[in-house]
Protein backbone atom coordinates (compact mmCIF):
# COMPACT_ATOMS: atom_id res chain seq x y z
CA MET A 1 -95.73 -155.36 -59.86
CA GLU A 2 -96.53 -157.86 -56.49
CA HIS A 3 -98.59 -156.05 -54.03
CA HIS A 4 -98.00 -156.31 -50.65
CA GLY A 5 -99.13 -156.47 -46.89
CA LEU A 6 -97.58 -155.98 -43.71
CA VAL A 7 -97.18 -158.56 -40.94
CA GLY A 8 -95.30 -157.03 -37.99
CA ARG A 9 -91.80 -155.87 -39.74
CA TYR A 10 -92.47 -158.73 -42.72
CA SER A 11 -94.21 -158.04 -46.07
CA TYR A 12 -95.78 -160.57 -47.93
CA PRO A 13 -96.84 -161.57 -51.16
CA VAL A 14 -100.62 -161.63 -51.59
CA ASP A 15 -100.57 -165.68 -52.53
CA LEU A 16 -99.08 -166.33 -48.82
CA GLY A 17 -102.39 -167.92 -48.42
CA GLN A 18 -101.68 -170.51 -51.40
CA ARG A 19 -97.88 -171.14 -50.58
CA ILE A 20 -99.05 -172.12 -46.90
CA HIS A 21 -101.13 -174.69 -48.53
CA ARG A 22 -98.84 -175.85 -51.31
CA LEU A 23 -96.22 -176.41 -48.33
CA ARG A 24 -98.83 -178.33 -46.14
CA VAL A 25 -99.98 -180.48 -48.95
CA ALA A 26 -96.30 -181.23 -49.40
CA ARG A 27 -95.71 -181.92 -46.13
CA GLY A 28 -98.50 -184.50 -46.29
CA LEU A 29 -100.31 -182.43 -43.59
CA THR A 30 -103.98 -181.65 -42.56
CA GLN A 31 -105.32 -178.45 -41.99
CA ARG A 32 -106.04 -179.44 -38.34
CA GLU A 33 -102.12 -181.46 -37.96
CA LEU A 34 -100.64 -177.91 -39.05
CA ALA A 35 -103.14 -175.99 -36.81
CA GLU A 36 -102.84 -177.82 -33.56
CA PRO A 37 -102.09 -177.20 -30.65
CA GLY A 38 -101.41 -173.59 -31.25
CA TYR A 39 -104.51 -172.88 -33.43
CA THR A 40 -107.68 -174.53 -34.92
CA ALA A 41 -108.46 -175.73 -38.48
CA ALA A 42 -110.45 -173.18 -39.55
CA TYR A 43 -108.14 -170.67 -38.74
CA VAL A 44 -105.84 -172.48 -41.13
CA SER A 45 -108.53 -172.51 -43.77
CA SER A 46 -109.28 -168.93 -43.61
CA VAL A 47 -105.47 -167.92 -44.02
CA GLU A 48 -105.09 -170.31 -46.68
CA SER A 49 -108.18 -168.94 -48.67
CA GLY A 50 -106.91 -165.42 -48.11
CA LYS A 51 -109.75 -164.40 -45.53
CA ARG A 52 -107.89 -163.47 -42.95
CA THR A 53 -104.12 -161.95 -42.70
CA PRO A 54 -102.04 -164.29 -40.41
CA SER A 55 -100.08 -162.66 -37.04
CA SER A 56 -96.36 -162.65 -37.34
CA ASP A 57 -96.81 -165.18 -34.39
CA ALA A 58 -99.16 -167.36 -36.47
CA LEU A 59 -96.60 -167.02 -39.16
CA SER A 60 -93.14 -168.16 -37.31
CA TYR A 61 -96.05 -171.07 -35.81
CA PHE A 62 -96.55 -172.38 -39.45
CA ALA A 63 -92.80 -172.07 -40.59
CA GLN A 64 -91.85 -174.65 -37.43
CA ARG A 65 -94.61 -177.03 -38.15
CA LEU A 66 -93.90 -177.09 -42.13
CA ASP A 67 -90.31 -177.24 -41.58
CA THR A 68 -88.96 -174.46 -43.30
CA SER A 69 -87.70 -170.55 -42.49
CA LEU A 70 -89.75 -167.60 -41.92
CA ASP A 71 -88.25 -165.90 -44.97
CA GLU A 72 -89.05 -168.75 -47.42
CA LEU A 73 -92.71 -168.75 -46.01
CA ILE A 74 -93.57 -165.42 -46.54
CA GLY A 75 -91.32 -164.97 -49.93
CA ARG A 76 -88.94 -162.84 -48.60
CA THR A 77 -86.16 -165.07 -49.50
CA THR A 78 -82.20 -164.44 -50.47
CA GLU A 79 -82.43 -167.43 -52.87
CA THR A 80 -83.21 -166.98 -56.39
CA PRO A 81 -86.90 -167.06 -57.75
CA LEU A 82 -87.51 -170.49 -59.14
CA ASP A 83 -88.49 -169.64 -62.62
CA LEU A 84 -85.01 -167.61 -62.80
CA ALA A 85 -83.08 -170.31 -61.39
CA PHE A 86 -84.35 -172.98 -63.95
CA ALA A 87 -83.87 -170.07 -66.81
CA GLU A 88 -80.59 -169.91 -65.59
CA ALA A 89 -80.05 -173.75 -64.97
CA LEU A 90 -81.21 -174.00 -68.73
CA ALA A 91 -78.70 -171.54 -69.88
CA SER A 92 -75.92 -173.14 -68.35
CA GLY A 93 -76.74 -176.86 -68.47
CA THR A 94 -75.94 -177.38 -64.80
CA GLY A 95 -78.11 -176.66 -62.06
CA PHE A 96 -80.89 -178.46 -62.11
CA GLU A 97 -80.47 -180.64 -58.68
CA GLU A 98 -80.58 -177.53 -56.57
CA VAL A 99 -83.62 -176.19 -58.72
CA ALA A 100 -85.17 -179.25 -57.83
CA ALA A 101 -84.29 -179.17 -53.94
CA GLN A 102 -85.08 -175.52 -53.74
CA ALA A 103 -88.69 -176.45 -55.03
CA HIS A 104 -89.12 -179.63 -53.09
CA SER A 105 -88.62 -176.93 -49.95
CA LEU A 106 -91.13 -174.74 -51.37
CA GLY A 107 -93.69 -177.47 -52.15
CA ASP A 108 -93.88 -176.06 -55.35
CA ALA A 109 -94.60 -179.43 -57.84
CA ARG A 110 -94.15 -177.83 -61.30
CA TRP A 111 -90.38 -176.81 -61.01
CA GLN A 112 -89.61 -179.43 -59.24
CA ALA A 113 -90.60 -181.85 -61.78
CA TRP A 114 -89.28 -179.63 -64.72
CA ALA A 115 -86.01 -179.69 -63.05
CA LEU A 116 -85.94 -183.54 -62.48
CA LEU A 117 -86.98 -183.78 -66.16
CA GLN A 118 -84.08 -181.95 -67.06
CA LEU A 119 -81.65 -183.93 -64.83
CA ASP A 120 -82.71 -187.42 -66.11
CA PRO A 121 -86.04 -187.99 -67.73
CA VAL A 122 -85.90 -191.62 -67.94
CA ALA A 123 -85.44 -191.80 -64.15
CA HIS A 124 -87.56 -189.13 -62.66
CA LEU A 125 -90.26 -189.93 -65.31
CA GLU A 126 -92.70 -191.71 -62.52
CA THR A 127 -91.99 -189.32 -59.44
CA CYS A 128 -92.63 -186.29 -62.19
CA THR A 129 -95.70 -188.11 -63.22
CA GLN A 130 -96.84 -188.01 -59.61
CA LEU A 131 -95.75 -184.51 -59.21
CA LEU A 132 -97.98 -183.21 -61.92
CA ALA A 133 -100.62 -185.44 -62.14
CA ASP A 134 -103.33 -182.66 -61.28
CA ALA A 135 -101.35 -179.80 -63.01
CA PRO A 136 -103.09 -178.11 -66.10
CA PRO A 137 -102.00 -179.29 -69.57
CA LEU A 138 -99.79 -176.66 -70.33
CA ASP A 139 -97.78 -177.49 -67.25
CA ARG A 140 -97.53 -181.10 -68.33
CA LEU A 141 -96.10 -180.52 -71.75
CA PRO A 142 -92.43 -181.59 -70.72
CA LEU A 143 -93.72 -184.57 -68.93
CA VAL A 144 -95.37 -185.41 -72.11
CA LEU A 145 -92.69 -184.78 -73.86
CA ALA A 146 -90.39 -186.83 -71.68
CA ARG A 147 -92.60 -189.91 -72.16
CA ALA A 148 -93.24 -189.62 -75.52
CA ALA A 149 -89.87 -190.29 -76.13
CA GLN A 150 -89.64 -193.53 -74.52
CA SER A 151 -92.72 -194.49 -76.00
CA GLU A 152 -93.07 -197.02 -79.35
CA THR A 153 -94.05 -194.72 -82.35
CA ARG A 154 -98.04 -195.47 -82.18
CA TYR A 155 -98.01 -194.67 -78.46
CA ALA A 156 -96.16 -191.81 -78.75
CA ILE A 157 -98.12 -190.28 -81.31
CA TYR A 158 -101.20 -190.64 -78.92
CA LEU A 159 -99.76 -188.91 -76.10
CA LEU A 160 -98.69 -186.14 -78.41
CA GLU A 161 -102.04 -185.90 -80.05
CA ARG A 162 -104.26 -186.21 -76.91
CA LEU A 163 -102.27 -183.15 -75.01
CA ARG A 164 -102.50 -181.30 -78.11
CA ASP A 165 -106.49 -181.87 -78.21
CA GLU A 166 -106.51 -181.32 -74.55
CA LEU A 167 -104.94 -177.54 -75.14
CA THR A 168 -107.07 -176.79 -77.58
CA ARG A 169 -110.53 -177.92 -75.81
CA ASP A 170 -108.98 -175.86 -72.65
CA GLY A 171 -108.70 -172.74 -74.98
CA TYR A 172 -105.33 -172.11 -74.67
CA PRO A 173 -103.48 -173.30 -77.36
CA SER A 174 -100.09 -171.67 -76.20
CA PRO A 175 -97.76 -171.31 -79.67
CA ASP A 176 -94.82 -172.65 -78.14
CA ALA A 177 -96.74 -175.67 -76.65
CA ARG A 178 -98.13 -176.17 -80.27
CA HIS A 179 -94.63 -175.87 -81.74
CA ALA A 180 -93.07 -178.61 -79.63
CA LEU A 181 -96.07 -181.02 -80.10
CA SER A 182 -96.47 -180.35 -83.86
CA ALA A 183 -92.42 -181.08 -84.36
CA HIS A 184 -92.52 -184.14 -82.06
CA LEU A 185 -95.31 -185.25 -83.87
CA ALA A 186 -93.63 -184.37 -87.34
CA ALA A 187 -90.67 -186.73 -86.39
CA ARG A 188 -92.98 -189.57 -85.42
CA PHE A 189 -95.07 -189.60 -88.39
CA LEU A 190 -91.93 -189.88 -90.30
CA ASP A 191 -90.79 -192.96 -88.07
CA LEU A 192 -94.14 -194.32 -89.14
CA GLY A 193 -94.02 -193.56 -92.64
CA ASP A 194 -96.89 -191.76 -92.89
CA GLU A 195 -95.58 -188.83 -95.02
CA ASP A 196 -98.56 -186.96 -95.51
CA ARG A 197 -99.26 -186.26 -91.80
CA ALA A 198 -95.71 -185.78 -91.15
CA ALA A 199 -95.41 -183.07 -93.91
CA ALA A 200 -99.07 -181.57 -92.31
CA ALA A 201 -97.63 -181.21 -88.39
CA ALA A 202 -94.18 -180.05 -90.06
CA ASP A 203 -96.09 -176.99 -91.58
CA GLU A 204 -97.68 -176.46 -88.22
CA ALA A 205 -94.52 -176.63 -86.59
CA LEU A 206 -92.71 -174.38 -88.81
CA SER A 207 -95.12 -171.99 -89.35
CA LEU A 208 -94.72 -171.33 -85.72
CA THR A 209 -90.89 -171.02 -85.44
CA TYR A 210 -89.06 -167.92 -84.61
CA GLN A 211 -85.77 -166.81 -84.16
CA ALA A 212 -84.83 -165.12 -80.88
CA ASP A 213 -81.95 -164.71 -78.30
CA PRO A 214 -82.79 -166.47 -75.06
CA ALA A 215 -79.60 -165.01 -73.30
CA ALA A 216 -81.13 -161.89 -73.74
CA TYR A 217 -84.21 -162.28 -72.49
CA LEU A 218 -82.39 -163.63 -69.23
CA GLU A 219 -80.45 -160.62 -68.89
CA THR A 220 -83.49 -158.32 -69.30
CA ALA A 221 -85.36 -160.67 -66.37
CA ARG A 222 -82.17 -160.21 -64.20
CA THR A 223 -82.32 -156.11 -64.83
CA LEU A 224 -86.11 -156.28 -64.48
CA LEU A 225 -86.06 -158.43 -61.41
CA ALA A 226 -82.99 -155.92 -59.49
CA ALA A 227 -85.52 -153.05 -60.25
CA ARG A 228 -88.14 -155.07 -58.45
CA GLN A 229 -89.99 -155.36 -61.37
CA ARG A 230 -91.26 -158.75 -60.89
CA ALA A 231 -94.10 -159.03 -63.06
CA ASP A 232 -92.82 -157.99 -65.95
CA ALA A 233 -89.34 -159.96 -65.44
CA ALA A 234 -91.65 -162.98 -65.00
CA VAL A 235 -92.72 -162.47 -68.64
CA ALA A 236 -89.14 -162.62 -69.80
CA ILE A 237 -88.32 -165.23 -67.82
CA GLY A 238 -90.84 -167.08 -69.39
CA GLN A 239 -89.60 -166.08 -72.68
CA SER A 240 -86.18 -167.14 -71.94
CA ILE A 241 -87.40 -170.52 -70.91
CA ALA A 242 -89.35 -171.15 -74.10
CA CYS A 243 -86.46 -169.62 -76.36
CA TYR A 244 -84.24 -172.66 -74.56
CA ARG A 245 -86.99 -175.24 -75.24
CA ARG A 246 -87.03 -174.57 -79.03
CA ALA A 247 -83.37 -174.93 -78.84
CA ALA A 248 -83.84 -177.94 -77.81
CA LEU A 249 -86.11 -179.28 -80.69
CA THR A 250 -83.38 -179.53 -83.59
CA ARG A 251 -83.57 -183.20 -84.38
CA GLN A 252 -87.46 -182.48 -84.26
CA ILE A 253 -86.96 -179.33 -86.34
CA ALA A 254 -84.79 -181.30 -89.25
CA ALA A 255 -87.60 -183.97 -89.29
CA CYS A 256 -90.03 -181.11 -89.99
CA HIS A 257 -88.26 -179.81 -92.95
CA ARG A 258 -87.58 -183.05 -93.97
CA ALA A 259 -91.02 -184.06 -94.19
CA ARG A 260 -91.90 -180.76 -96.17
CA GLY A 261 -88.62 -181.47 -98.50
CA ARG A 262 -89.87 -185.00 -99.30
CA ARG A 263 -93.72 -183.32 -99.93
CA LEU A 264 -92.16 -180.96 -102.22
CA ARG A 265 -89.97 -183.42 -104.24
CA ASP A 266 -93.38 -185.70 -104.95
CA VAL A 267 -94.89 -182.59 -106.33
CA SER A 268 -92.04 -181.76 -108.46
CA ASP A 269 -90.98 -178.36 -106.39
CA LEU A 270 -87.29 -179.50 -106.60
CA ASP A 271 -86.02 -176.25 -105.59
CA ALA A 272 -87.76 -175.77 -102.65
CA ALA A 273 -87.43 -179.50 -101.90
CA ALA A 274 -83.53 -178.62 -101.99
CA ALA A 275 -83.73 -175.99 -99.73
CA ASN A 276 -85.61 -177.88 -97.04
CA LEU A 277 -83.33 -180.91 -97.40
CA ILE A 278 -80.39 -179.30 -96.91
CA GLU A 279 -81.83 -177.20 -94.04
CA ALA A 280 -82.41 -181.06 -92.71
CA ARG A 281 -78.85 -182.36 -93.57
CA ALA A 282 -77.43 -179.73 -91.71
CA LEU A 283 -79.56 -179.86 -88.46
CA TYR A 284 -79.14 -183.44 -88.28
CA GLY A 285 -75.56 -183.61 -88.68
CA ASP A 286 -73.61 -186.66 -89.51
CA CYS A 287 -76.02 -189.29 -87.36
CA ASP A 288 -77.65 -191.97 -89.11
CA GLU A 289 -80.80 -189.58 -90.30
CA GLY A 290 -78.58 -187.20 -91.45
CA LEU A 291 -76.83 -189.25 -93.61
CA ASP A 292 -80.33 -190.65 -94.71
CA VAL A 293 -81.21 -187.27 -95.81
CA ALA A 294 -78.32 -186.95 -97.57
CA VAL A 295 -79.23 -189.86 -99.86
CA GLU A 296 -82.57 -187.98 -100.33
CA LEU A 297 -81.50 -184.73 -101.02
CA ALA A 298 -79.09 -186.51 -103.95
CA GLU A 299 -82.21 -187.64 -105.79
CA VAL A 300 -83.25 -184.07 -105.83
CA GLN A 301 -80.19 -182.68 -106.62
CA ARG A 302 -79.92 -185.33 -109.57
CA LEU A 303 -83.39 -184.49 -110.71
CA ARG A 304 -82.25 -180.69 -110.82
CA GLY A 305 -79.36 -181.89 -113.15
CA LEU A 306 -76.83 -181.49 -110.22
CA ALA A 307 -75.20 -184.70 -110.54
CA ALA A 308 -71.45 -183.87 -109.06
CA GLU A 309 -73.56 -182.47 -106.03
CA ALA A 310 -75.52 -185.75 -105.91
CA GLU A 311 -72.39 -187.67 -106.39
CA ASP A 312 -70.73 -186.01 -103.25
CA LEU A 313 -73.72 -186.35 -101.29
CA ILE A 314 -74.05 -190.05 -101.81
CA ALA A 315 -70.09 -190.57 -101.08
CA GLN A 316 -71.39 -188.55 -97.53
CA ALA A 317 -73.80 -191.05 -96.84
CA LEU A 318 -71.68 -194.33 -97.74
CA SER A 319 -68.26 -192.86 -95.45
CA SER A 320 -69.56 -194.55 -92.73
CA GLU A 321 -71.15 -198.14 -92.10
CA GLY A 322 -75.00 -197.61 -92.97
CA ARG A 323 -78.53 -199.13 -92.54
CA ALA A 324 -79.19 -201.76 -95.32
CA LEU A 325 -82.14 -199.32 -96.48
CA ARG A 326 -80.04 -196.20 -96.42
CA LEU A 327 -77.32 -198.57 -98.71
CA ALA A 328 -80.22 -199.52 -100.90
CA ARG A 329 -81.52 -195.76 -101.86
CA ALA A 330 -77.66 -195.02 -102.27
CA HIS A 331 -76.55 -197.60 -105.00
CA ARG A 332 -80.04 -196.86 -106.65
CA GLU A 333 -78.89 -193.58 -106.84
CA LEU A 334 -75.52 -194.19 -108.12
CA GLY A 335 -77.10 -196.75 -110.55
CA LEU A 336 -79.38 -193.85 -111.98
CA LEU A 337 -76.32 -191.27 -112.47
CA ALA A 338 -74.79 -193.57 -113.93
CA LEU A 339 -77.24 -194.41 -116.26
CA ALA A 340 -77.48 -190.62 -117.20
CA ARG A 341 -73.80 -190.22 -118.14
CA GLY A 342 -74.20 -193.53 -120.41
CA ALA A 343 -71.95 -196.00 -117.86
CA THR A 344 -74.50 -198.85 -118.57
CA SER A 345 -72.36 -201.57 -117.03
CA ASP A 346 -71.88 -199.38 -113.85
CA ALA A 347 -75.15 -198.77 -114.05
CA GLU A 348 -76.50 -202.18 -113.87
CA ALA A 349 -74.13 -203.22 -111.35
CA MET A 350 -75.39 -200.65 -109.08
CA LEU A 351 -79.09 -201.12 -109.57
CA ARG A 352 -78.87 -204.97 -108.93
CA ARG A 353 -77.01 -204.40 -106.00
CA ALA A 354 -79.94 -201.98 -104.62
CA ILE A 355 -82.75 -204.63 -105.82
CA ASP A 356 -80.62 -207.37 -103.42
CA LEU A 357 -80.30 -204.88 -100.56
CA TYR A 358 -84.18 -203.57 -101.23
CA GLN A 359 -85.47 -207.06 -100.99
CA GLU A 360 -83.85 -207.76 -97.66
CA THR A 361 -85.84 -204.57 -96.34
CA GLY A 362 -87.13 -201.53 -97.70
CA PRO A 363 -90.44 -200.23 -98.95
CA ALA A 364 -92.00 -202.14 -101.69
CA ARG A 365 -92.73 -198.90 -103.86
CA GLU A 366 -89.07 -198.29 -104.06
CA LEU A 367 -87.88 -201.92 -104.94
CA GLY A 368 -90.55 -201.59 -107.46
CA ARG A 369 -89.00 -198.20 -108.83
CA THR A 370 -85.69 -199.90 -108.72
CA LEU A 371 -87.15 -202.97 -110.88
CA SER A 372 -88.50 -200.72 -113.55
CA ALA A 373 -85.53 -198.97 -113.88
CA LEU A 374 -83.20 -201.92 -114.20
CA SER A 375 -86.12 -203.41 -116.74
CA ASP A 376 -85.70 -200.42 -118.95
CA LEU A 377 -82.36 -200.91 -119.04
CA LEU A 378 -82.36 -204.30 -120.02
CA SER A 379 -84.97 -203.86 -122.40
CA GLY A 380 -83.06 -200.91 -124.17
CA GLN A 381 -80.22 -203.48 -124.60
CA GLY A 382 -82.23 -205.83 -126.58
CA ARG A 383 -81.98 -207.99 -123.42
CA LEU A 384 -85.98 -208.40 -123.37
CA PRO A 385 -86.17 -212.26 -121.58
CA GLU A 386 -83.58 -211.14 -118.96
CA ALA A 387 -86.04 -208.07 -118.35
CA ALA A 388 -88.64 -210.32 -118.17
CA GLU A 389 -87.38 -212.48 -115.93
CA LEU A 390 -86.51 -209.80 -113.63
CA LEU A 391 -89.92 -208.05 -113.30
CA ARG A 392 -91.29 -211.73 -112.95
CA THR A 393 -89.14 -212.50 -109.79
CA GLY A 394 -89.51 -209.27 -108.27
CA LEU A 395 -93.07 -209.12 -108.35
CA LEU A 396 -93.00 -212.41 -106.76
CA THR A 397 -91.37 -210.80 -104.00
CA LEU A 398 -93.20 -208.08 -103.88
CA LEU A 399 -96.31 -210.25 -103.42
CA SER A 400 -94.73 -212.61 -100.74
CA ARG A 401 -94.29 -209.58 -98.57
């Protein structure tokens, strides 16, 4: 609960001095410029530090000099508190411009920057960088995530790891911050092809995942505010904001399940691998990453003996124009599925198509595995010279990369 003192007929919060300081700095005024001609710089300093209680006349004077209302200056405003206004904007997806304007009028750089980043992180990135230049690490989290999203992969990883280390060093490893940073790192490590680090980051993020209803927290906050329990309301608002931010990490959490599924596949824990890749497929939807996961899941289902499910997943992946690497992987899987049911001619055609695609793009390891599969097929048919030539030309391709 907030404690208040009295100034005339007004009550004011204990952070009144800090409020005056923030507004003065936001307006670009020195203590002397705010004070004169009616007061002294020393008087302003003592008010801002909380050592003196300003008179109602002084407050009216400061409000005029700071181009704000007396009610706003003392916190007796009819406007929605900034934290609640921001949470409600997250809930509705609108109202961030109004939150930014209100925060600017109050000299609150944090809420202004957070609202601007929700409005347009690209257009407002540099403005928000200035607003949060001296902010603590936790307040800079949305800014770092926005900048990382606009950066190439290696620099994005550097930004994310630097903030994570800074938070840990400051002794405040917020679970919500760790969750967001780890999820973003998992997605970026996947982009880089570093599957071990992606899986480690994914484990961290998924260990911190929980299900909660942000709307329920928001409703609780409104009830507490109506009962004038501001401190408890602030906690509920913070929980609501954290939940809405977590809900915005769908693609990153999908990447976490994808990274974990790949690692489990590599250690032959196929049931757990399938569960994680199914979750990743559902979270991604039918975007490029989701269709890529469909092929990865098809491989796991084939290894589990679920050929029909694997073929259905491949059909999903090939239902639209795709990237060459996805097409290569899909044709490799089709070849191995055909081989398993004894359709050797179909298997050979699909594996040869996969090799052609892998030679254009794709990891050398996957090309090698596909060459080996086709070579074994040819050898099994007694076509040893063809198998040898396939391996020779394939090896030359690998060495030329």
